[in-house]
Amino acid sequence: MQDIAQREIFLSNRAYDRLAARRPGFKPRGARKATVKIAAGTIKIPRPIHCPDNGVAFLFLNFVHVYEVNTPTGEEAIDWKLVTGEPINVQQDVLNIVDDYRARWMIEEYFKALKTGCSYEKRQLESKETLLNALAVLAPIAWQLLVLRSVSRQHPEASSQYALSLNQIKLLRAVSYPGCRDGLVRNVSPNS
């Protein structure tokens, strides 16, 4: 295996999670920049004996190892071992694999917003057409939920208009405030 690159990556804050705490590598941590080295190579594994013999004796997979250097005292070092069928012919191929892996949490959060925040699974829709129609409506809402969460975490003092338009704020107020069920929102200032 050969070192391909060195890079700084931002590690987000990870709060204590009682279920994740039981697994190694999921301890709480503070946000920080980490310097990682990235190595890549191809690994050759023999064909499992229980698989039918199709004339292929070995399977070739690409392996990317991301490991932290100069880890701060008391912190758990980054050590990702990624196995892929994606090419690793040039440095950019390897960096793309690492970036795709780093994006996995945002993808997971998006589907969580779709399933939990938008209750997609609870809609009890039966046909493919109705499921796709609901998804077409709920997908942008799930994305907006992620934007709101991100803004509230990064800029807790920011106005709601940092993430929402005035019309969106009016609509949310109309459907959430008791007494405003008629859809009319009164006294909404542009600085809300």
N, C-alpha and C. Protein backbone atom coordinates (compact mmCIF):
# COMPACT_ATOMS: atom_id res chain seq x y z
N MET A 1 0.83 -1.17 0.00
CA MET A 1 0.00 0.00 0.00
C MET A 1 0.88 1.24 0.00
N GLN A 2 0.44 2.25 -0.69
CA GLN A 2 1.25 3.44 -0.88
C GLN A 2 0.50 4.68 -0.41
N ASP A 3 1.22 5.57 0.32
CA ASP A 3 0.62 6.85 0.73
C ASP A 3 0.34 7.67 -0.52
N ILE A 4 -0.88 8.23 -0.57
CA ILE A 4 -1.32 8.99 -1.74
C ILE A 4 -1.37 10.48 -1.44
N ALA A 5 -1.85 10.83 -0.23
CA ALA A 5 -2.07 12.24 0.07
C ALA A 5 -2.08 12.47 1.58
N GLN A 6 -1.94 13.73 1.94
CA GLN A 6 -2.13 14.17 3.31
C GLN A 6 -3.11 15.32 3.24
N ARG A 7 -4.02 15.40 4.21
CA ARG A 7 -5.09 16.39 4.13
C ARG A 7 -5.57 16.73 5.54
N GLU A 8 -6.10 17.94 5.69
CA GLU A 8 -6.76 18.32 6.93
C GLU A 8 -8.25 18.17 6.73
N ILE A 9 -8.91 17.54 7.70
CA ILE A 9 -10.36 17.39 7.64
C ILE A 9 -10.94 17.92 8.94
N PHE A 10 -12.15 18.42 8.87
CA PHE A 10 -12.84 18.92 10.04
C PHE A 10 -13.68 17.80 10.62
N LEU A 11 -13.50 17.56 11.91
CA LEU A 11 -14.31 16.57 12.62
C LEU A 11 -15.33 17.31 13.45
N SER A 12 -16.59 16.99 13.26
CA SER A 12 -17.65 17.68 13.99
C SER A 12 -17.72 17.16 15.42
N ASN A 13 -18.39 17.93 16.24
CA ASN A 13 -18.62 17.54 17.62
C ASN A 13 -19.48 16.28 17.63
N ARG A 14 -19.15 15.34 18.50
CA ARG A 14 -19.97 14.14 18.63
C ARG A 14 -20.37 14.01 20.09
N ALA A 15 -21.65 14.18 20.34
CA ALA A 15 -22.17 14.11 21.71
C ALA A 15 -22.25 12.66 22.17
N TYR A 16 -22.41 12.48 23.47
CA TYR A 16 -22.55 11.14 24.03
C TYR A 16 -23.84 10.51 23.53
N ASP A 17 -23.76 9.30 23.07
CA ASP A 17 -24.91 8.52 22.65
C ASP A 17 -24.78 7.16 23.33
N ARG A 18 -25.75 6.83 24.14
CA ARG A 18 -25.63 5.63 24.97
C ARG A 18 -25.48 4.37 24.13
N LEU A 19 -26.15 4.28 22.98
CA LEU A 19 -26.02 3.10 22.14
C LEU A 19 -24.68 3.07 21.41
N ALA A 20 -24.28 4.20 20.86
CA ALA A 20 -23.01 4.26 20.13
C ALA A 20 -21.82 4.10 21.06
N ALA A 21 -21.97 4.51 22.32
CA ALA A 21 -20.85 4.45 23.27
C ALA A 21 -20.38 3.01 23.50
N ARG A 22 -21.21 2.05 23.22
CA ARG A 22 -20.83 0.65 23.41
C ARG A 22 -19.91 0.14 22.31
N ARG A 23 -19.88 0.87 21.20
CA ARG A 23 -19.06 0.44 20.07
C ARG A 23 -17.75 1.21 20.07
N PRO A 24 -16.65 0.53 19.78
CA PRO A 24 -15.37 1.25 19.69
C PRO A 24 -15.39 2.23 18.53
N GLY A 25 -14.76 3.37 18.71
CA GLY A 25 -14.68 4.36 17.65
C GLY A 25 -15.83 5.35 17.63
N PHE A 26 -16.72 5.28 18.62
CA PHE A 26 -17.86 6.19 18.65
C PHE A 26 -17.95 6.95 19.96
N LYS A 27 -16.80 7.23 20.53
CA LYS A 27 -16.78 7.97 21.79
C LYS A 27 -17.09 9.44 21.52
N PRO A 28 -17.62 10.15 22.52
CA PRO A 28 -17.85 11.58 22.33
C PRO A 28 -16.53 12.30 22.04
N ARG A 29 -16.63 13.40 21.28
CA ARG A 29 -15.43 14.18 20.99
C ARG A 29 -15.84 15.62 20.71
N GLY A 30 -14.88 16.49 20.86
CA GLY A 30 -15.09 17.88 20.50
C GLY A 30 -14.75 18.10 19.04
N ALA A 31 -15.26 19.15 18.49
CA ALA A 31 -14.95 19.48 17.09
C ALA A 31 -13.48 19.86 16.98
N ARG A 32 -12.83 19.43 15.90
CA ARG A 32 -11.42 19.76 15.70
C ARG A 32 -11.01 19.49 14.27
N LYS A 33 -9.88 20.04 13.90
CA LYS A 33 -9.26 19.72 12.61
C LYS A 33 -8.29 18.57 12.85
N ALA A 34 -8.30 17.63 11.94
CA ALA A 34 -7.41 16.48 12.05
C ALA A 34 -6.57 16.40 10.78
N THR A 35 -5.30 16.09 10.95
CA THR A 35 -4.43 15.86 9.82
C THR A 35 -4.39 14.35 9.58
N VAL A 36 -4.77 13.96 8.37
CA VAL A 36 -4.81 12.53 8.05
C VAL A 36 -3.93 12.25 6.84
N LYS A 37 -3.40 11.05 6.82
CA LYS A 37 -2.72 10.54 5.64
C LYS A 37 -3.64 9.53 4.99
N ILE A 38 -3.55 9.46 3.68
CA ILE A 38 -4.42 8.58 2.92
C ILE A 38 -3.54 7.67 2.07
N ALA A 39 -3.71 6.38 2.28
CA ALA A 39 -2.97 5.39 1.51
C ALA A 39 -3.97 4.55 0.74
N ALA A 40 -3.52 3.98 -0.37
CA ALA A 40 -4.42 3.15 -1.17
C ALA A 40 -3.64 2.05 -1.86
N GLY A 41 -4.35 0.99 -2.15
CA GLY A 41 -3.76 -0.12 -2.88
C GLY A 41 -4.83 -1.12 -3.24
N THR A 42 -4.45 -2.10 -3.99
CA THR A 42 -5.39 -3.16 -4.39
C THR A 42 -5.08 -4.39 -3.58
N ILE A 43 -6.14 -5.02 -3.09
CA ILE A 43 -5.96 -6.27 -2.34
C ILE A 43 -6.54 -7.41 -3.17
N LYS A 44 -5.95 -8.57 -3.01
CA LYS A 44 -6.37 -9.75 -3.76
C LYS A 44 -6.84 -10.78 -2.74
N ILE A 45 -8.09 -11.19 -2.87
CA ILE A 45 -8.61 -12.21 -1.94
C ILE A 45 -9.03 -13.43 -2.76
N PRO A 46 -8.81 -14.63 -2.20
CA PRO A 46 -9.19 -15.83 -2.94
C PRO A 46 -10.71 -15.97 -3.01
N ARG A 47 -11.16 -16.60 -4.07
CA ARG A 47 -12.59 -16.87 -4.23
C ARG A 47 -13.04 -17.77 -3.07
N PRO A 48 -14.15 -17.40 -2.40
CA PRO A 48 -14.63 -18.26 -1.31
C PRO A 48 -14.95 -19.66 -1.83
N ILE A 49 -14.66 -20.65 -1.04
CA ILE A 49 -14.83 -22.04 -1.50
C ILE A 49 -16.30 -22.42 -1.70
N HIS A 50 -17.22 -21.71 -1.03
CA HIS A 50 -18.63 -22.04 -1.18
C HIS A 50 -19.28 -21.38 -2.41
N CYS A 51 -18.55 -20.54 -3.12
CA CYS A 51 -19.07 -19.91 -4.33
C CYS A 51 -18.82 -20.83 -5.52
N PRO A 52 -19.74 -20.79 -6.48
CA PRO A 52 -19.53 -21.63 -7.68
C PRO A 52 -18.25 -21.23 -8.41
N ASP A 53 -17.59 -22.21 -8.93
CA ASP A 53 -16.34 -21.94 -9.66
C ASP A 53 -16.69 -21.40 -11.05
N ASN A 54 -16.41 -20.11 -11.23
CA ASN A 54 -16.68 -19.49 -12.53
C ASN A 54 -15.37 -19.20 -13.26
N GLY A 55 -14.31 -19.85 -12.85
CA GLY A 55 -13.02 -19.65 -13.49
C GLY A 55 -12.22 -18.50 -12.90
N VAL A 56 -12.80 -17.77 -11.94
CA VAL A 56 -12.11 -16.66 -11.30
C VAL A 56 -11.57 -17.16 -9.95
N ALA A 57 -10.26 -17.19 -9.83
CA ALA A 57 -9.65 -17.70 -8.60
C ALA A 57 -9.53 -16.62 -7.54
N PHE A 58 -9.46 -15.35 -7.96
CA PHE A 58 -9.26 -14.27 -7.00
C PHE A 58 -10.19 -13.10 -7.31
N LEU A 59 -10.46 -12.34 -6.29
CA LEU A 59 -11.24 -11.12 -6.42
C LEU A 59 -10.31 -9.96 -6.06
N PHE A 60 -10.30 -8.94 -6.88
CA PHE A 60 -9.46 -7.78 -6.63
C PHE A 60 -10.34 -6.63 -6.14
N LEU A 61 -10.00 -6.08 -4.99
CA LEU A 61 -10.72 -4.96 -4.41
C LEU A 61 -9.74 -3.83 -4.11
N ASN A 62 -10.23 -2.62 -4.18
CA ASN A 62 -9.39 -1.48 -3.85
C ASN A 62 -9.60 -1.12 -2.39
N PHE A 63 -8.51 -0.79 -1.73
CA PHE A 63 -8.50 -0.54 -0.29
C PHE A 63 -7.93 0.86 -0.06
N VAL A 64 -8.66 1.66 0.71
CA VAL A 64 -8.20 3.01 1.04
C VAL A 64 -8.12 3.11 2.56
N HIS A 65 -6.95 3.51 3.05
CA HIS A 65 -6.73 3.64 4.49
C HIS A 65 -6.51 5.11 4.83
N VAL A 66 -7.37 5.64 5.69
CA VAL A 66 -7.27 7.03 6.15
C VAL A 66 -6.91 6.97 7.62
N TYR A 67 -5.75 7.52 7.98
CA TYR A 67 -5.32 7.45 9.38
C TYR A 67 -4.76 8.80 9.81
N GLU A 68 -5.06 9.12 11.06
CA GLU A 68 -4.67 10.42 11.59
C GLU A 68 -3.23 10.40 12.08
N VAL A 69 -2.55 11.51 11.84
CA VAL A 69 -1.20 11.71 12.36
C VAL A 69 -1.26 12.86 13.36
N ASN A 70 -0.39 12.82 14.34
CA ASN A 70 -0.32 13.86 15.37
C ASN A 70 -1.66 14.06 16.08
N THR A 71 -2.26 12.97 16.50
CA THR A 71 -3.53 13.04 17.21
C THR A 71 -3.34 13.74 18.55
N PRO A 72 -4.22 14.70 18.90
CA PRO A 72 -4.09 15.36 20.20
C PRO A 72 -4.23 14.38 21.35
N THR A 73 -3.52 14.65 22.42
CA THR A 73 -3.56 13.79 23.60
C THR A 73 -4.99 13.67 24.11
N GLY A 74 -5.38 12.45 24.41
CA GLY A 74 -6.71 12.21 24.94
C GLY A 74 -7.78 12.01 23.88
N GLU A 75 -7.44 12.21 22.62
CA GLU A 75 -8.42 12.05 21.54
C GLU A 75 -8.19 10.70 20.86
N GLU A 76 -9.26 10.15 20.31
CA GLU A 76 -9.17 8.91 19.57
C GLU A 76 -8.79 9.23 18.12
N ALA A 77 -7.77 8.56 17.63
CA ALA A 77 -7.27 8.82 16.27
C ALA A 77 -8.26 8.33 15.22
N ILE A 78 -8.33 9.05 14.12
CA ILE A 78 -9.11 8.62 12.97
C ILE A 78 -8.40 7.43 12.33
N ASP A 79 -9.15 6.38 12.03
CA ASP A 79 -8.58 5.21 11.38
C ASP A 79 -9.69 4.55 10.57
N TRP A 80 -9.82 4.96 9.31
CA TRP A 80 -10.87 4.43 8.44
C TRP A 80 -10.24 3.47 7.45
N LYS A 81 -10.84 2.32 7.32
CA LYS A 81 -10.41 1.33 6.34
C LYS A 81 -11.57 1.13 5.38
N LEU A 82 -11.41 1.58 4.16
CA LEU A 82 -12.48 1.59 3.17
C LEU A 82 -12.16 0.60 2.05
N VAL A 83 -13.09 -0.31 1.79
CA VAL A 83 -12.94 -1.27 0.71
C VAL A 83 -13.94 -0.89 -0.36
N THR A 84 -13.49 -0.82 -1.61
CA THR A 84 -14.35 -0.33 -2.68
C THR A 84 -14.03 -1.01 -4.00
N GLY A 85 -15.00 -0.95 -4.87
CA GLY A 85 -14.79 -1.39 -6.25
C GLY A 85 -14.50 -0.21 -7.16
N GLU A 86 -14.53 1.00 -6.60
CA GLU A 86 -14.24 2.21 -7.38
C GLU A 86 -12.76 2.24 -7.75
N PRO A 87 -12.42 2.86 -8.87
CA PRO A 87 -11.01 2.91 -9.28
C PRO A 87 -10.17 3.80 -8.35
N ILE A 88 -8.91 3.47 -8.25
CA ILE A 88 -7.95 4.26 -7.47
C ILE A 88 -6.71 4.55 -8.32
N ASN A 89 -6.93 4.81 -9.59
CA ASN A 89 -5.82 4.97 -10.53
C ASN A 89 -5.03 6.25 -10.31
N VAL A 90 -5.70 7.33 -9.94
CA VAL A 90 -5.03 8.60 -9.72
C VAL A 90 -5.43 9.14 -8.35
N GLN A 91 -4.68 10.12 -7.87
CA GLN A 91 -4.92 10.69 -6.55
C GLN A 91 -6.37 11.18 -6.39
N GLN A 92 -6.92 11.83 -7.41
CA GLN A 92 -8.28 12.36 -7.31
C GLN A 92 -9.31 11.26 -7.10
N ASP A 93 -9.07 10.07 -7.69
CA ASP A 93 -9.97 8.93 -7.47
C ASP A 93 -10.03 8.60 -5.98
N VAL A 94 -8.87 8.54 -5.36
CA VAL A 94 -8.78 8.18 -3.94
C VAL A 94 -9.43 9.27 -3.08
N LEU A 95 -9.15 10.52 -3.39
CA LEU A 95 -9.75 11.62 -2.61
C LEU A 95 -11.27 11.64 -2.75
N ASN A 96 -11.78 11.30 -3.93
CA ASN A 96 -13.23 11.22 -4.12
C ASN A 96 -13.85 10.13 -3.25
N ILE A 97 -13.18 9.00 -3.12
CA ILE A 97 -13.66 7.91 -2.27
C ILE A 97 -13.73 8.38 -0.82
N VAL A 98 -12.71 9.09 -0.37
CA VAL A 98 -12.69 9.60 1.01
C VAL A 98 -13.81 10.62 1.20
N ASP A 99 -13.98 11.51 0.25
CA ASP A 99 -15.05 12.52 0.36
C ASP A 99 -16.43 11.88 0.36
N ASP A 100 -16.62 10.86 -0.46
CA ASP A 100 -17.90 10.14 -0.47
C ASP A 100 -18.16 9.50 0.89
N TYR A 101 -17.13 8.91 1.47
CA TYR A 101 -17.28 8.29 2.79
C TYR A 101 -17.62 9.34 3.84
N ARG A 102 -16.97 10.48 3.78
CA ARG A 102 -17.24 11.54 4.76
C ARG A 102 -18.66 12.09 4.62
N ALA A 103 -19.23 12.00 3.43
CA ALA A 103 -20.59 12.52 3.20
C ALA A 103 -21.67 11.56 3.70
N ARG A 104 -21.29 10.38 4.11
CA ARG A 104 -22.29 9.38 4.47
C ARG A 104 -23.17 9.82 5.63
N TRP A 105 -22.62 10.58 6.58
CA TRP A 105 -23.43 10.99 7.73
C TRP A 105 -24.50 12.00 7.30
N MET A 106 -24.17 12.88 6.39
CA MET A 106 -25.19 13.82 5.92
C MET A 106 -26.28 13.09 5.16
N ILE A 107 -25.90 12.07 4.42
CA ILE A 107 -26.89 11.27 3.71
C ILE A 107 -27.79 10.55 4.72
N GLU A 108 -27.19 9.98 5.75
CA GLU A 108 -27.97 9.32 6.81
C GLU A 108 -28.91 10.32 7.49
N GLU A 109 -28.41 11.52 7.77
CA GLU A 109 -29.24 12.54 8.40
C GLU A 109 -30.39 12.98 7.50
N TYR A 110 -30.14 13.03 6.20
CA TYR A 110 -31.20 13.39 5.25
C TYR A 110 -32.32 12.35 5.31
N PHE A 111 -31.96 11.08 5.27
CA PHE A 111 -32.99 10.04 5.31
C PHE A 111 -33.70 10.01 6.67
N LYS A 112 -32.98 10.34 7.72
CA LYS A 112 -33.62 10.44 9.04
C LYS A 112 -34.63 11.58 9.04
N ALA A 113 -34.28 12.72 8.43
CA ALA A 113 -35.21 13.85 8.34
C ALA A 113 -36.43 13.45 7.51
N LEU A 114 -36.23 12.70 6.46
CA LEU A 114 -37.33 12.25 5.61
C LEU A 114 -38.23 11.27 6.36
N LYS A 115 -37.62 10.31 7.08
CA LYS A 115 -38.40 9.29 7.76
C LYS A 115 -39.01 9.78 9.06
N THR A 116 -38.23 10.51 9.86
CA THR A 116 -38.70 10.94 11.17
C THR A 116 -39.35 12.32 11.10
N GLY A 117 -38.64 13.29 10.57
CA GLY A 117 -39.15 14.66 10.53
C GLY A 117 -40.36 14.82 9.63
N CYS A 118 -40.39 14.08 8.52
CA CYS A 118 -41.50 14.19 7.57
C CYS A 118 -42.46 12.99 7.66
N SER A 119 -42.15 12.03 8.49
CA SER A 119 -43.00 10.84 8.70
C SER A 119 -43.33 10.12 7.39
N TYR A 120 -42.35 10.00 6.52
CA TYR A 120 -42.58 9.37 5.21
C TYR A 120 -43.08 7.94 5.35
N GLU A 121 -42.48 7.17 6.26
CA GLU A 121 -42.87 5.77 6.41
C GLU A 121 -44.24 5.60 7.05
N LYS A 122 -44.70 6.60 7.79
CA LYS A 122 -45.99 6.50 8.49
C LYS A 122 -47.17 6.89 7.60
N ARG A 123 -46.92 7.27 6.39
CA ARG A 123 -47.98 7.75 5.50
C ARG A 123 -48.88 6.63 5.00
N GLN A 124 -48.45 5.39 5.12
CA GLN A 124 -49.23 4.21 4.72
C GLN A 124 -49.74 4.30 3.28
N LEU A 125 -48.90 4.78 2.42
CA LEU A 125 -49.25 4.84 1.00
C LEU A 125 -48.92 3.49 0.38
N GLU A 126 -49.71 3.09 -0.57
CA GLU A 126 -49.58 1.73 -1.07
C GLU A 126 -49.04 1.62 -2.49
N SER A 127 -49.38 2.56 -3.34
CA SER A 127 -48.93 2.42 -4.73
C SER A 127 -47.61 3.14 -4.94
N LYS A 128 -46.90 2.70 -5.94
CA LYS A 128 -45.63 3.34 -6.28
C LYS A 128 -45.85 4.81 -6.61
N GLU A 129 -46.94 5.10 -7.34
CA GLU A 129 -47.22 6.48 -7.74
C GLU A 129 -47.44 7.39 -6.53
N THR A 130 -48.22 6.94 -5.56
CA THR A 130 -48.47 7.79 -4.39
C THR A 130 -47.22 7.94 -3.54
N LEU A 131 -46.41 6.88 -3.45
CA LEU A 131 -45.15 6.98 -2.71
C LEU A 131 -44.21 7.99 -3.37
N LEU A 132 -44.12 7.95 -4.69
CA LEU A 132 -43.25 8.88 -5.41
C LEU A 132 -43.77 10.31 -5.31
N ASN A 133 -45.10 10.49 -5.36
CA ASN A 133 -45.67 11.83 -5.21
C ASN A 133 -45.37 12.40 -3.83
N ALA A 134 -45.53 11.57 -2.81
CA ALA A 134 -45.24 12.02 -1.44
C ALA A 134 -43.75 12.34 -1.31
N LEU A 135 -42.91 11.52 -1.91
CA LEU A 135 -41.46 11.76 -1.86
C LEU A 135 -41.11 13.07 -2.56
N ALA A 136 -41.77 13.36 -3.66
CA ALA A 136 -41.51 14.61 -4.39
C ALA A 136 -41.85 15.83 -3.53
N VAL A 137 -42.87 15.73 -2.71
CA VAL A 137 -43.26 16.84 -1.83
C VAL A 137 -42.35 16.89 -0.60
N LEU A 138 -42.03 15.72 -0.03
CA LEU A 138 -41.32 15.69 1.25
C LEU A 138 -39.80 15.83 1.12
N ALA A 139 -39.21 15.47 -0.02
CA ALA A 139 -37.75 15.55 -0.17
C ALA A 139 -37.22 16.96 0.06
N PRO A 140 -37.82 18.00 -0.54
CA PRO A 140 -37.32 19.36 -0.26
C PRO A 140 -37.56 19.79 1.19
N ILE A 141 -38.62 19.29 1.79
CA ILE A 141 -38.89 19.62 3.20
C ILE A 141 -37.81 19.00 4.09
N ALA A 142 -37.43 17.75 3.81
CA ALA A 142 -36.37 17.10 4.58
C ALA A 142 -35.05 17.86 4.43
N TRP A 143 -34.76 18.31 3.21
CA TRP A 143 -33.55 19.11 2.98
C TRP A 143 -33.61 20.40 3.80
N GLN A 144 -34.78 21.05 3.81
CA GLN A 144 -34.93 22.30 4.56
C GLN A 144 -34.76 22.07 6.06
N LEU A 145 -35.23 20.91 6.56
CA LEU A 145 -35.02 20.57 7.97
C LEU A 145 -33.53 20.48 8.29
N LEU A 146 -32.76 19.91 7.37
CA LEU A 146 -31.30 19.83 7.58
C LEU A 146 -30.67 21.22 7.57
N VAL A 147 -31.15 22.08 6.68
CA VAL A 147 -30.63 23.46 6.64
C VAL A 147 -30.93 24.17 7.96
N LEU A 148 -32.16 24.04 8.44
CA LEU A 148 -32.54 24.68 9.71
C LEU A 148 -31.67 24.18 10.86
N ARG A 149 -31.47 22.87 10.91
CA ARG A 149 -30.65 22.31 11.98
C ARG A 149 -29.22 22.82 11.90
N SER A 150 -28.69 22.85 10.70
CA SER A 150 -27.32 23.30 10.51
C SER A 150 -27.16 24.77 10.91
N VAL A 151 -28.09 25.61 10.47
CA VAL A 151 -28.02 27.04 10.81
C VAL A 151 -28.15 27.22 12.32
N SER A 152 -29.07 26.50 12.95
CA SER A 152 -29.26 26.67 14.39
C SER A 152 -28.03 26.23 15.17
N ARG A 153 -27.30 25.26 14.66
CA ARG A 153 -26.08 24.81 15.34
C ARG A 153 -24.90 25.76 15.10
N GLN A 154 -24.78 26.25 13.87
CA GLN A 154 -23.63 27.08 13.54
C GLN A 154 -23.83 28.55 13.92
N HIS A 155 -25.09 29.01 13.92
CA HIS A 155 -25.39 30.41 14.21
C HIS A 155 -26.63 30.49 15.11
N PRO A 156 -26.50 30.07 16.37
CA PRO A 156 -27.69 30.02 17.24
C PRO A 156 -28.36 31.38 17.44
N GLU A 157 -27.64 32.46 17.25
CA GLU A 157 -28.20 33.79 17.45
C GLU A 157 -28.84 34.36 16.18
N ALA A 158 -28.75 33.65 15.08
CA ALA A 158 -29.22 34.17 13.79
C ALA A 158 -30.74 34.24 13.73
N SER A 159 -31.22 35.19 12.94
CA SER A 159 -32.65 35.33 12.68
C SER A 159 -33.15 34.12 11.91
N SER A 160 -34.43 33.83 12.06
CA SER A 160 -35.03 32.72 11.32
C SER A 160 -34.94 32.95 9.81
N GLN A 161 -34.84 34.22 9.40
CA GLN A 161 -34.76 34.52 7.97
C GLN A 161 -33.40 34.15 7.38
N TYR A 162 -32.47 33.75 8.21
CA TYR A 162 -31.18 33.27 7.73
C TYR A 162 -31.36 31.97 6.96
N ALA A 163 -32.40 31.19 7.36
CA ALA A 163 -32.63 29.90 6.72
C ALA A 163 -33.97 29.80 6.01
N LEU A 164 -34.90 30.71 6.32
CA LEU A 164 -36.24 30.63 5.76
C LEU A 164 -36.65 31.96 5.15
N SER A 165 -37.51 31.89 4.14
CA SER A 165 -38.05 33.12 3.57
C SER A 165 -39.18 33.63 4.48
N LEU A 166 -39.56 34.88 4.29
CA LEU A 166 -40.65 35.46 5.07
C LEU A 166 -41.95 34.69 4.85
N ASN A 167 -42.21 34.25 3.63
CA ASN A 167 -43.41 33.46 3.35
C ASN A 167 -43.39 32.12 4.09
N GLN A 168 -42.22 31.48 4.15
CA GLN A 168 -42.11 30.22 4.88
C GLN A 168 -42.36 30.43 6.37
N ILE A 169 -41.84 31.52 6.92
CA ILE A 169 -42.06 31.83 8.33
C ILE A 169 -43.54 32.07 8.59
N LYS A 170 -44.19 32.83 7.71
CA LYS A 170 -45.63 33.08 7.87
C LYS A 170 -46.42 31.78 7.83
N LEU A 171 -46.08 30.92 6.91
CA LEU A 171 -46.78 29.65 6.79
C LEU A 171 -46.59 28.80 8.04
N LEU A 172 -45.37 28.72 8.53
CA LEU A 172 -45.12 27.94 9.74
C LEU A 172 -45.89 28.49 10.93
N ARG A 173 -45.93 29.79 11.04
CA ARG A 173 -46.69 30.39 12.13
C ARG A 173 -48.18 30.10 11.99
N ALA A 174 -48.65 30.13 10.77
CA ALA A 174 -50.08 29.91 10.53
C ALA A 174 -50.52 28.50 10.93
N VAL A 175 -49.66 27.54 10.72
CA VAL A 175 -50.06 26.17 11.03
C VAL A 175 -49.64 25.73 12.41
N SER A 176 -48.86 26.53 13.13
CA SER A 176 -48.40 26.09 14.44
C SER A 176 -48.94 26.89 15.61
N TYR A 177 -49.34 28.14 15.41
CA TYR A 177 -49.84 28.95 16.53
C TYR A 177 -51.33 28.70 16.76
N PRO A 178 -51.72 28.39 18.00
CA PRO A 178 -53.15 28.29 18.30
C PRO A 178 -53.81 29.64 18.00
N GLY A 179 -54.99 29.60 17.45
CA GLY A 179 -55.69 30.83 17.12
C GLY A 179 -55.34 31.36 15.75
N CYS A 180 -54.35 30.76 15.09
CA CYS A 180 -53.97 31.23 13.74
C CYS A 180 -54.32 30.17 12.70
N ARG A 181 -55.26 29.32 12.98
CA ARG A 181 -55.62 28.24 12.06
C ARG A 181 -56.30 28.74 10.80
N ASP A 182 -56.74 30.01 10.80
CA ASP A 182 -57.39 30.54 9.60
C ASP A 182 -56.40 30.87 8.50
N GLY A 183 -55.11 30.70 8.77
CA GLY A 183 -54.09 30.94 7.77
C GLY A 183 -53.61 32.37 7.70
N LEU A 184 -54.16 33.24 8.53
CA LEU A 184 -53.72 34.62 8.54
C LEU A 184 -52.76 34.83 9.70
N VAL A 185 -51.64 35.39 9.40
CA VAL A 185 -50.67 35.67 10.45
C VAL A 185 -50.57 37.17 10.60
N ARG A 186 -50.76 37.62 11.79
CA ARG A 186 -50.75 39.05 12.04
C ARG A 186 -49.45 39.44 12.74
N ASN A 187 -49.04 40.65 12.50
CA ASN A 187 -47.88 41.23 13.19
C ASN A 187 -46.60 40.45 12.97
N VAL A 188 -46.34 40.02 11.75
CA VAL A 188 -45.07 39.37 11.44
C VAL A 188 -44.13 40.44 10.90
N SER A 189 -43.08 40.68 11.65
CA SER A 189 -42.14 41.70 11.19
C SER A 189 -41.09 41.06 10.31
N PRO A 190 -40.50 41.80 9.41
CA PRO A 190 -39.47 41.23 8.53
C PRO A 190 -38.23 40.78 9.29
N ASN A 191 -38.06 41.21 10.52
CA ASN A 191 -36.87 40.85 11.28
C ASN A 191 -37.12 39.68 12.21
N SER A 192 -38.20 38.97 12.05
CA SER A 192 -38.55 37.84 12.93
C SER A 192 -37.54 36.74 12.81
